[in-house]
């Protein structure tokens, strides 16, 4: 007579090892539910992200001041928009504050250049007359993203100046 060995049914095989796995899974589920319940320390609502195209001139200027404060380790740029769409640039560096310089935004060309030897990117404004010597440094940053963001903000500030001029002359302007 031959003895046949049949495997135990699955439910009977679990034993203590299976119970520990089930307990560990249950504990993980409870732990994750506790973590997700009222996430502490995080704002309940996200701050709205404003497109630079929808910003006011003041908001663009505030963003530029953020870039100027963080752009370079030992330099701090601050900006002020003066009457006639003139940008005042103040720079404080390792040797102390430098004299302010004013740059007419209208008609100027905004450029970003890489400074390989310094490992940085420069944002400069050049008057529309094309004089190379008249370039004005607006920001120097180790991050290309900061330089390109500042370039965009400056171009939009120029656009805002044109729109303000159109309104002051009684012409309607469109937002394209």
N, C-alpha and C. Protein backbone atom coordinates (compact mmCIF):
# COMPACT_ATOMS: atom_id res chain seq x y z
N UNK A 1 0.83 -1.16 0.00
CA UNK A 1 0.00 0.00 0.00
C UNK A 1 0.89 1.24 0.00
N UNK A 2 0.57 2.13 -0.86
CA UNK A 2 1.36 3.32 -1.07
C UNK A 2 0.75 4.47 -0.27
N UNK A 3 1.60 5.22 0.41
CA UNK A 3 1.12 6.37 1.17
C UNK A 3 1.28 7.62 0.32
N UNK A 4 0.23 8.34 0.26
CA UNK A 4 0.25 9.58 -0.53
C UNK A 4 0.34 10.75 0.44
N UNK A 5 1.31 11.62 0.19
CA UNK A 5 1.47 12.82 1.03
C UNK A 5 0.82 13.98 0.29
N UNK A 6 -0.16 14.52 0.94
CA UNK A 6 -0.85 15.67 0.34
C UNK A 6 -0.42 16.95 1.05
N UNK A 7 -0.26 18.05 0.29
CA UNK A 7 0.12 19.31 0.94
C UNK A 7 -1.02 19.81 1.82
N UNK A 8 -0.63 20.54 2.86
CA UNK A 8 -1.63 21.10 3.77
C UNK A 8 -2.37 22.23 3.07
N UNK A 9 -3.62 22.42 3.39
CA UNK A 9 -4.34 23.55 2.83
C UNK A 9 -3.66 24.86 3.23
N UNK A 10 -3.81 25.86 2.41
CA UNK A 10 -3.12 27.14 2.60
C UNK A 10 -3.40 27.75 3.97
N UNK A 11 -4.61 27.74 4.41
CA UNK A 11 -4.96 28.34 5.70
C UNK A 11 -4.23 27.67 6.84
N UNK A 12 -3.96 26.39 6.75
CA UNK A 12 -3.29 25.67 7.83
C UNK A 12 -1.78 25.90 7.80
N UNK A 13 -1.20 26.35 6.68
CA UNK A 13 0.24 26.55 6.55
C UNK A 13 0.72 27.85 7.19
N UNK A 14 -0.14 28.82 7.39
CA UNK A 14 0.29 30.14 7.85
C UNK A 14 1.11 30.06 9.11
N UNK A 15 0.61 29.55 10.11
CA UNK A 15 1.33 29.41 11.36
C UNK A 15 1.77 30.76 11.90
N UNK A 16 2.78 30.79 12.78
CA UNK A 16 3.21 32.04 13.43
C UNK A 16 3.86 33.02 12.45
N UNK A 17 4.57 32.50 11.43
CA UNK A 17 5.24 33.40 10.48
C UNK A 17 4.22 34.22 9.70
N UNK A 18 3.16 33.61 9.27
CA UNK A 18 2.12 34.31 8.53
C UNK A 18 1.40 35.33 9.38
N UNK A 19 1.24 35.03 10.66
CA UNK A 19 0.56 35.95 11.57
C UNK A 19 1.38 37.23 11.73
N UNK A 20 2.69 37.10 11.81
CA UNK A 20 3.57 38.28 11.94
C UNK A 20 3.50 39.17 10.71
N UNK A 21 3.45 38.56 9.54
CA UNK A 21 3.34 39.33 8.31
C UNK A 21 2.03 40.11 8.28
N UNK A 22 0.96 39.44 8.67
CA UNK A 22 -0.35 40.09 8.68
C UNK A 22 -0.36 41.23 9.69
N UNK A 23 0.24 41.03 10.85
CA UNK A 23 0.31 42.06 11.88
C UNK A 23 1.15 43.25 11.41
N UNK A 24 2.27 42.97 10.73
CA UNK A 24 3.13 44.04 10.21
C UNK A 24 2.40 44.87 9.16
N UNK A 25 1.65 44.23 8.28
CA UNK A 25 0.88 44.95 7.26
C UNK A 25 -0.18 45.83 7.91
N UNK A 26 -0.86 45.29 8.90
CA UNK A 26 -1.90 46.06 9.59
C UNK A 26 -1.29 47.28 10.28
N UNK A 27 -0.13 47.10 10.92
CA UNK A 27 0.54 48.21 11.60
C UNK A 27 0.97 49.28 10.59
N UNK A 28 1.45 48.86 9.43
CA UNK A 28 1.87 49.82 8.39
C UNK A 28 0.69 50.64 7.91
N UNK A 29 -0.46 50.02 7.73
CA UNK A 29 -1.66 50.73 7.29
C UNK A 29 -2.08 51.75 8.34
N UNK A 30 -2.07 51.35 9.61
CA UNK A 30 -2.46 52.27 10.69
C UNK A 30 -1.47 53.43 10.75
N UNK A 31 -0.18 53.17 10.62
CA UNK A 31 0.85 54.20 10.68
C UNK A 31 0.68 55.21 9.53
N UNK A 32 0.44 54.70 8.33
CA UNK A 32 0.27 55.58 7.18
C UNK A 32 -0.98 56.44 7.31
N UNK A 33 -2.03 55.87 7.85
CA UNK A 33 -3.26 56.64 8.05
C UNK A 33 -3.02 57.76 9.06
N UNK A 34 -2.24 57.48 10.10
CA UNK A 34 -1.93 58.50 11.10
C UNK A 34 -1.09 59.61 10.50
N UNK A 35 -0.16 59.27 9.61
CA UNK A 35 0.70 60.28 8.98
C UNK A 35 -0.08 61.19 8.05
N UNK A 36 -1.07 60.66 7.39
CA UNK A 36 -1.82 61.45 6.43
C UNK A 36 -2.92 62.27 7.08
N UNK A 37 -3.26 61.97 8.32
CA UNK A 37 -4.35 62.67 9.01
C UNK A 37 -3.86 64.03 9.48
N UNK A 38 -4.30 65.10 8.82
CA UNK A 38 -3.97 66.46 9.25
C UNK A 38 -2.49 66.74 9.23
N UNK A 39 -1.82 66.49 8.16
CA UNK A 39 -0.38 66.64 8.03
C UNK A 39 0.09 67.90 8.76
N UNK A 40 0.82 67.70 9.83
CA UNK A 40 1.26 68.79 10.69
C UNK A 40 2.43 69.53 10.06
N UNK A 41 2.44 70.85 10.22
CA UNK A 41 3.56 71.64 9.76
C UNK A 41 3.47 72.09 8.32
N UNK A 42 2.53 71.61 7.57
CA UNK A 42 2.38 72.01 6.18
C UNK A 42 1.15 72.89 6.04
N UNK A 43 1.21 73.91 5.20
CA UNK A 43 0.02 74.74 5.02
C UNK A 43 -1.12 73.93 4.43
N UNK A 44 -2.31 74.24 4.88
CA UNK A 44 -3.48 73.51 4.40
C UNK A 44 -3.84 73.90 2.98
N UNK A 45 -3.45 75.12 2.57
CA UNK A 45 -3.70 75.56 1.20
C UNK A 45 -2.40 76.04 0.60
N UNK A 46 -2.20 75.75 -0.66
CA UNK A 46 -1.02 76.19 -1.36
C UNK A 46 -1.14 77.68 -1.68
N UNK A 47 -0.01 78.40 -1.58
CA UNK A 47 0.00 79.79 -2.00
C UNK A 47 -0.16 79.82 -3.52
N UNK A 48 -0.96 80.73 -4.02
CA UNK A 48 -1.15 80.76 -5.47
C UNK A 48 0.14 81.16 -6.19
N UNK A 49 0.39 80.50 -7.29
CA UNK A 49 1.54 80.84 -8.11
C UNK A 49 1.06 81.85 -9.14
N UNK A 50 1.70 83.00 -9.15
CA UNK A 50 1.29 84.05 -10.06
C UNK A 50 2.22 84.05 -11.26
N UNK A 51 1.64 84.03 -12.43
CA UNK A 51 2.41 84.11 -13.65
C UNK A 51 3.04 85.50 -13.73
N UNK A 52 4.30 85.58 -14.15
CA UNK A 52 4.91 86.91 -14.28
C UNK A 52 4.18 87.79 -15.28
N UNK A 53 3.44 87.18 -16.20
CA UNK A 53 2.66 87.94 -17.17
C UNK A 53 1.45 88.61 -16.53
N UNK A 54 1.00 88.07 -15.40
CA UNK A 54 -0.15 88.62 -14.69
C UNK A 54 0.25 89.50 -13.51
N UNK A 55 1.54 89.64 -13.25
CA UNK A 55 2.01 90.44 -12.12
C UNK A 55 1.89 91.93 -12.43
N UNK A 56 1.80 92.71 -11.36
CA UNK A 56 1.89 94.16 -11.49
C UNK A 56 3.37 94.53 -11.56
N UNK A 57 3.65 95.77 -11.91
CA UNK A 57 5.04 96.22 -11.95
C UNK A 57 5.67 96.09 -10.55
N UNK A 58 4.90 96.38 -9.52
CA UNK A 58 5.42 96.28 -8.15
C UNK A 58 5.78 94.83 -7.80
N UNK A 59 4.94 93.89 -8.23
CA UNK A 59 5.23 92.47 -7.96
C UNK A 59 6.48 92.02 -8.72
N UNK A 60 6.62 92.45 -9.94
CA UNK A 60 7.82 92.10 -10.72
C UNK A 60 9.07 92.66 -10.05
N UNK A 61 8.96 93.90 -9.59
CA UNK A 61 10.09 94.54 -8.92
C UNK A 61 10.43 93.80 -7.62
N UNK A 62 9.42 93.36 -6.89
CA UNK A 62 9.65 92.60 -5.65
C UNK A 62 10.36 91.28 -5.97
N UNK A 63 9.96 90.60 -7.05
CA UNK A 63 10.63 89.36 -7.46
C UNK A 63 12.08 89.62 -7.83
N UNK A 64 12.33 90.73 -8.51
CA UNK A 64 13.71 91.07 -8.86
C UNK A 64 14.55 91.31 -7.60
N UNK A 65 13.95 91.94 -6.59
CA UNK A 65 14.68 92.17 -5.34
C UNK A 65 14.99 90.86 -4.63
N UNK A 66 14.11 89.87 -4.76
CA UNK A 66 14.39 88.54 -4.21
C UNK A 66 15.61 87.94 -4.92
N UNK A 67 15.62 88.04 -6.26
CA UNK A 67 16.76 87.53 -7.03
C UNK A 67 18.03 88.28 -6.68
N UNK A 68 17.93 89.59 -6.51
CA UNK A 68 19.09 90.41 -6.18
C UNK A 68 19.69 90.08 -4.82
N UNK A 69 18.83 89.66 -3.90
CA UNK A 69 19.32 89.32 -2.56
C UNK A 69 19.98 87.95 -2.53
N UNK A 70 19.56 87.04 -3.42
CA UNK A 70 20.04 85.66 -3.38
C UNK A 70 20.97 85.30 -4.53
N UNK A 71 21.14 86.20 -5.49
CA UNK A 71 21.84 85.85 -6.71
C UNK A 71 23.32 85.52 -6.56
N UNK A 72 24.01 86.22 -5.69
CA UNK A 72 25.46 86.07 -5.59
C UNK A 72 25.84 86.05 -4.12
N UNK A 73 26.83 85.24 -3.77
CA UNK A 73 27.19 85.05 -2.37
C UNK A 73 27.63 86.34 -1.67
N UNK A 74 28.42 87.18 -2.35
CA UNK A 74 28.94 88.36 -1.66
C UNK A 74 28.47 89.68 -2.26
N UNK A 75 27.40 89.64 -3.03
CA UNK A 75 26.81 90.86 -3.59
C UNK A 75 25.30 90.85 -3.33
N UNK A 76 24.77 92.04 -3.17
CA UNK A 76 23.32 92.18 -2.99
C UNK A 76 22.84 93.34 -3.86
N UNK A 77 21.94 93.04 -4.77
CA UNK A 77 21.36 94.05 -5.63
C UNK A 77 19.98 94.40 -5.11
N UNK A 78 19.65 95.69 -5.17
CA UNK A 78 18.29 96.14 -4.89
C UNK A 78 17.85 97.04 -6.04
N UNK A 79 16.54 97.02 -6.29
CA UNK A 79 16.00 97.72 -7.45
C UNK A 79 14.83 98.60 -7.04
N UNK A 80 14.71 99.70 -7.78
CA UNK A 80 13.60 100.62 -7.56
C UNK A 80 13.17 101.14 -8.94
N UNK A 81 11.87 101.16 -9.18
CA UNK A 81 11.36 101.69 -10.44
C UNK A 81 11.00 103.15 -10.22
N UNK A 82 11.68 104.02 -10.95
CA UNK A 82 11.53 105.47 -10.80
C UNK A 82 10.61 106.00 -11.90
N UNK A 83 10.15 107.23 -11.74
CA UNK A 83 9.29 107.82 -12.78
C UNK A 83 9.97 107.79 -14.16
N UNK A 84 9.15 107.64 -15.18
CA UNK A 84 9.67 107.57 -16.54
C UNK A 84 10.22 106.21 -16.90
N UNK A 85 9.86 105.19 -16.11
CA UNK A 85 10.34 103.81 -16.33
C UNK A 85 11.86 103.72 -16.31
N UNK A 86 12.42 104.32 -15.29
CA UNK A 86 13.86 104.27 -15.07
C UNK A 86 14.10 103.31 -13.90
N UNK A 87 14.97 102.33 -14.13
CA UNK A 87 15.30 101.36 -13.10
C UNK A 87 16.54 101.84 -12.36
N UNK A 88 16.41 102.00 -11.04
CA UNK A 88 17.57 102.34 -10.21
C UNK A 88 18.13 101.04 -9.65
N UNK A 89 19.43 100.84 -9.83
CA UNK A 89 20.10 99.63 -9.37
C UNK A 89 21.12 100.03 -8.31
N UNK A 90 20.99 99.42 -7.13
CA UNK A 90 21.96 99.60 -6.04
C UNK A 90 22.67 98.29 -5.82
N UNK A 91 23.96 98.35 -5.64
CA UNK A 91 24.77 97.15 -5.43
C UNK A 91 25.62 97.32 -4.19
N UNK A 92 25.51 96.36 -3.27
CA UNK A 92 26.38 96.28 -2.10
C UNK A 92 27.25 95.06 -2.28
N UNK A 93 28.57 95.27 -2.26
CA UNK A 93 29.50 94.17 -2.44
C UNK A 93 30.47 94.07 -1.28
N UNK A 94 31.51 93.27 -1.43
CA UNK A 94 32.48 93.09 -0.35
C UNK A 94 33.17 94.39 0.07
N UNK A 95 33.32 95.33 -0.88
CA UNK A 95 33.95 96.61 -0.56
C UNK A 95 32.94 97.66 -0.09
N UNK A 96 31.71 97.25 0.11
CA UNK A 96 30.68 98.18 0.55
C UNK A 96 29.76 98.59 -0.58
N UNK A 97 28.86 99.54 -0.30
CA UNK A 97 27.91 99.96 -1.32
C UNK A 97 28.60 100.73 -2.46
N UNK A 98 28.13 100.47 -3.66
CA UNK A 98 28.61 101.22 -4.83
C UNK A 98 27.57 102.28 -5.17
N UNK A 99 27.98 103.29 -5.92
CA UNK A 99 27.00 104.33 -6.29
C UNK A 99 25.85 103.72 -7.11
N UNK A 100 24.65 104.23 -6.86
CA UNK A 100 23.47 103.79 -7.61
C UNK A 100 23.62 104.21 -9.06
N UNK A 101 23.01 103.44 -9.95
CA UNK A 101 22.93 103.90 -11.34
C UNK A 101 21.51 103.68 -11.85
N UNK A 102 21.09 104.63 -12.67
CA UNK A 102 19.76 104.62 -13.23
C UNK A 102 19.83 104.21 -14.69
N UNK A 103 18.89 103.36 -15.11
CA UNK A 103 18.86 102.83 -16.47
C UNK A 103 17.44 103.00 -17.01
N UNK A 104 17.33 103.64 -18.17
CA UNK A 104 16.02 103.76 -18.82
C UNK A 104 15.64 102.38 -19.37
N UNK A 105 14.49 101.89 -18.95
CA UNK A 105 14.06 100.56 -19.42
C UNK A 105 13.59 100.60 -20.87
N UNK A 106 12.88 101.65 -21.24
CA UNK A 106 12.34 101.72 -22.59
C UNK A 106 13.48 101.88 -23.60
N UNK A 107 13.48 101.02 -24.60
CA UNK A 107 14.49 101.07 -25.64
C UNK A 107 15.75 100.30 -25.31
N UNK A 108 15.88 99.79 -24.10
CA UNK A 108 17.07 99.02 -23.73
C UNK A 108 16.92 97.56 -24.13
N UNK A 109 18.05 96.92 -24.34
CA UNK A 109 18.08 95.50 -24.67
C UNK A 109 18.53 94.75 -23.42
N UNK A 110 17.79 93.69 -23.07
CA UNK A 110 18.13 92.87 -21.90
C UNK A 110 18.89 91.65 -22.41
N UNK A 111 20.07 91.41 -21.83
CA UNK A 111 20.89 90.28 -22.28
C UNK A 111 21.42 89.50 -21.08
N UNK A 112 21.53 88.19 -21.27
CA UNK A 112 22.18 87.32 -20.28
C UNK A 112 23.44 86.78 -20.93
N UNK A 113 24.56 86.92 -20.23
CA UNK A 113 25.83 86.39 -20.75
C UNK A 113 26.45 85.48 -19.70
N UNK A 114 27.12 84.44 -20.18
CA UNK A 114 27.81 83.50 -19.29
C UNK A 114 29.22 84.02 -19.05
N UNK A 115 29.64 83.98 -17.80
CA UNK A 115 30.99 84.36 -17.40
C UNK A 115 31.70 83.09 -16.95
N UNK A 116 32.27 82.37 -17.91
CA UNK A 116 32.86 81.06 -17.59
C UNK A 116 33.95 81.15 -16.53
N UNK A 117 34.81 82.15 -16.64
CA UNK A 117 35.91 82.26 -15.69
C UNK A 117 35.43 82.52 -14.27
N UNK A 118 34.25 83.12 -14.13
CA UNK A 118 33.70 83.40 -12.80
C UNK A 118 32.65 82.37 -12.38
N UNK A 119 32.22 81.54 -13.34
CA UNK A 119 31.18 80.55 -13.03
C UNK A 119 29.85 81.20 -12.73
N UNK A 120 29.52 82.26 -13.48
CA UNK A 120 28.28 82.98 -13.20
C UNK A 120 27.63 83.45 -14.49
N UNK A 121 26.45 84.01 -14.33
CA UNK A 121 25.67 84.56 -15.44
C UNK A 121 25.34 85.99 -15.10
N UNK A 122 25.51 86.87 -16.09
CA UNK A 122 25.26 88.30 -15.90
C UNK A 122 24.03 88.72 -16.68
N UNK A 123 23.19 89.52 -16.03
CA UNK A 123 22.05 90.15 -16.70
C UNK A 123 22.43 91.61 -16.86
N UNK A 124 22.40 92.07 -18.11
CA UNK A 124 22.80 93.44 -18.40
C UNK A 124 21.75 94.12 -19.25
N UNK A 125 21.66 95.43 -19.06
CA UNK A 125 20.81 96.27 -19.89
C UNK A 125 21.72 97.12 -20.76
N UNK A 126 21.40 97.16 -22.04
CA UNK A 126 22.17 97.98 -22.97
C UNK A 126 21.22 98.97 -23.62
N UNK A 127 21.55 100.25 -23.59
CA UNK A 127 20.66 101.22 -24.23
C UNK A 127 20.45 100.89 -25.71
N UNK A 128 19.33 101.27 -26.23
CA UNK A 128 18.97 100.98 -27.61
C UNK A 128 19.89 101.60 -28.64
N UNK A 129 20.73 102.56 -28.23
CA UNK A 129 21.64 103.19 -29.20
C UNK A 129 22.82 102.28 -29.53
N UNK A 130 22.98 101.16 -28.79
CA UNK A 130 24.00 100.16 -29.13
C UNK A 130 25.39 100.42 -28.63
N UNK A 131 25.59 101.38 -27.78
CA UNK A 131 26.94 101.66 -27.26
C UNK A 131 27.38 100.54 -26.31
N UNK A 132 28.42 99.84 -26.66
CA UNK A 132 28.92 98.73 -25.83
C UNK A 132 29.34 99.21 -24.45
N UNK A 133 29.97 100.36 -24.38
CA UNK A 133 30.48 100.86 -23.10
C UNK A 133 29.35 101.21 -22.14
N UNK A 134 28.14 101.40 -22.67
CA UNK A 134 27.04 101.82 -21.83
C UNK A 134 26.28 100.67 -21.19
N UNK A 135 26.76 99.43 -21.35
CA UNK A 135 26.06 98.30 -20.72
C UNK A 135 26.05 98.48 -19.20
N UNK A 136 24.92 98.13 -18.60
CA UNK A 136 24.78 98.25 -17.15
C UNK A 136 24.47 96.88 -16.56
N UNK A 137 25.24 96.50 -15.57
CA UNK A 137 25.02 95.23 -14.88
C UNK A 137 23.82 95.37 -13.96
N UNK A 138 22.87 94.43 -14.12
CA UNK A 138 21.67 94.43 -13.30
C UNK A 138 21.71 93.30 -12.27
N UNK A 139 22.32 92.16 -12.63
CA UNK A 139 22.42 91.03 -11.71
C UNK A 139 23.53 90.11 -12.18
N UNK A 140 24.23 89.52 -11.22
CA UNK A 140 25.17 88.43 -11.51
C UNK A 140 24.81 87.30 -10.56
N UNK A 141 24.62 86.11 -11.13
CA UNK A 141 24.20 84.97 -10.34
C UNK A 141 24.91 83.71 -10.79
N UNK A 142 25.13 82.81 -9.86
CA UNK A 142 25.71 81.51 -10.18
C UNK A 142 24.69 80.60 -10.85
N UNK A 143 23.43 80.97 -10.78
CA UNK A 143 22.35 80.12 -11.32
C UNK A 143 21.77 80.74 -12.59
N UNK A 144 21.79 79.94 -13.65
CA UNK A 144 21.20 80.39 -14.91
C UNK A 144 19.72 80.67 -14.74
N UNK A 145 19.03 79.88 -13.94
CA UNK A 145 17.58 80.06 -13.75
C UNK A 145 17.28 81.43 -13.16
N UNK A 146 18.09 81.90 -12.20
CA UNK A 146 17.89 83.22 -11.61
C UNK A 146 18.11 84.32 -12.65
N UNK A 147 19.15 84.15 -13.46
CA UNK A 147 19.46 85.15 -14.48
C UNK A 147 18.35 85.21 -15.54
N UNK A 148 17.87 84.05 -15.99
CA UNK A 148 16.83 84.06 -17.02
C UNK A 148 15.50 84.55 -16.45
N UNK A 149 15.23 84.27 -15.18
CA UNK A 149 14.00 84.78 -14.54
C UNK A 149 14.07 86.30 -14.45
N UNK A 150 15.22 86.83 -14.08
CA UNK A 150 15.39 88.29 -14.01
C UNK A 150 15.25 88.90 -15.40
N UNK A 151 15.80 88.25 -16.41
CA UNK A 151 15.67 88.74 -17.78
C UNK A 151 14.20 88.82 -18.19
N UNK A 152 13.43 87.78 -17.89
CA UNK A 152 12.00 87.78 -18.20
C UNK A 152 11.28 88.91 -17.47
N UNK A 153 11.58 89.06 -16.18
CA UNK A 153 10.93 90.12 -15.40
C UNK A 153 11.24 91.49 -15.97
N UNK A 154 12.49 91.71 -16.38
CA UNK A 154 12.86 93.01 -16.97
C UNK A 154 12.10 93.25 -18.28
N UNK A 155 12.02 92.24 -19.12
CA UNK A 155 11.29 92.39 -20.38
C UNK A 155 9.81 92.69 -20.14
N UNK A 156 9.23 92.04 -19.14
CA UNK A 156 7.83 92.30 -18.83
C UNK A 156 7.65 93.67 -18.19
N UNK A 157 8.66 94.13 -17.45
CA UNK A 157 8.59 95.49 -16.91
C UNK A 157 8.64 96.50 -18.06
N UNK A 158 9.46 96.22 -19.07
CA UNK A 158 9.49 97.09 -20.24
C UNK A 158 8.12 97.12 -20.91
N UNK A 159 7.51 95.96 -21.06
CA UNK A 159 6.17 95.87 -21.67
C UNK A 159 5.16 96.65 -20.83
N UNK A 160 5.26 96.52 -19.51
CA UNK A 160 4.38 97.27 -18.62
C UNK A 160 4.56 98.77 -18.76
N UNK A 161 5.79 99.21 -18.99
CA UNK A 161 6.06 100.64 -19.20
C UNK A 161 5.40 101.13 -20.48
N UNK A 162 5.49 100.32 -21.53
CA UNK A 162 4.86 100.69 -22.80
C UNK A 162 3.35 100.79 -22.62
N UNK A 163 2.77 99.83 -21.89
CA UNK A 163 1.32 99.86 -21.65
C UNK A 163 0.93 101.08 -20.83
N UNK A 164 1.75 101.45 -19.84
CA UNK A 164 1.45 102.63 -19.02
C UNK A 164 1.53 103.89 -19.88
N UNK A 165 2.49 103.95 -20.78
CA UNK A 165 2.61 105.11 -21.67
C UNK A 165 1.39 105.22 -22.57
N UNK A 166 0.91 104.08 -23.08
CA UNK A 166 -0.27 104.08 -23.93
C UNK A 166 -1.50 104.59 -23.20
N UNK A 167 -1.65 104.21 -21.95
CA UNK A 167 -2.80 104.66 -21.15
C UNK A 167 -2.69 106.15 -20.85
N UNK A 168 -1.46 106.61 -20.58
CA UNK A 168 -1.30 108.04 -20.23
C UNK A 168 -1.54 108.93 -21.44
N UNK A 169 -1.41 108.40 -22.65
CA UNK A 169 -1.67 109.16 -23.87
C UNK A 169 -3.09 108.96 -24.36
N UNK A 170 -3.91 108.28 -23.57
CA UNK A 170 -5.32 108.11 -23.92
C UNK A 170 -5.59 107.00 -24.91
N UNK A 171 -4.60 106.16 -25.23
CA UNK A 171 -4.81 105.06 -26.16
C UNK A 171 -5.13 103.79 -25.38
N UNK A 172 -5.99 102.99 -25.93
CA UNK A 172 -6.29 101.68 -25.33
C UNK A 172 -5.22 100.70 -25.76
N UNK A 173 -4.79 99.89 -24.82
CA UNK A 173 -3.80 98.86 -25.16
C UNK A 173 -4.41 97.50 -24.94
N UNK A 174 -3.95 96.55 -25.69
CA UNK A 174 -4.44 95.18 -25.53
C UNK A 174 -3.39 94.35 -24.84
N UNK A 175 -3.82 93.29 -24.16
CA UNK A 175 -2.88 92.39 -23.44
C UNK A 175 -2.71 91.14 -24.24
N UNK A 176 -1.75 91.11 -25.15
CA UNK A 176 -1.47 89.90 -25.96
C UNK A 176 -0.21 89.29 -25.46
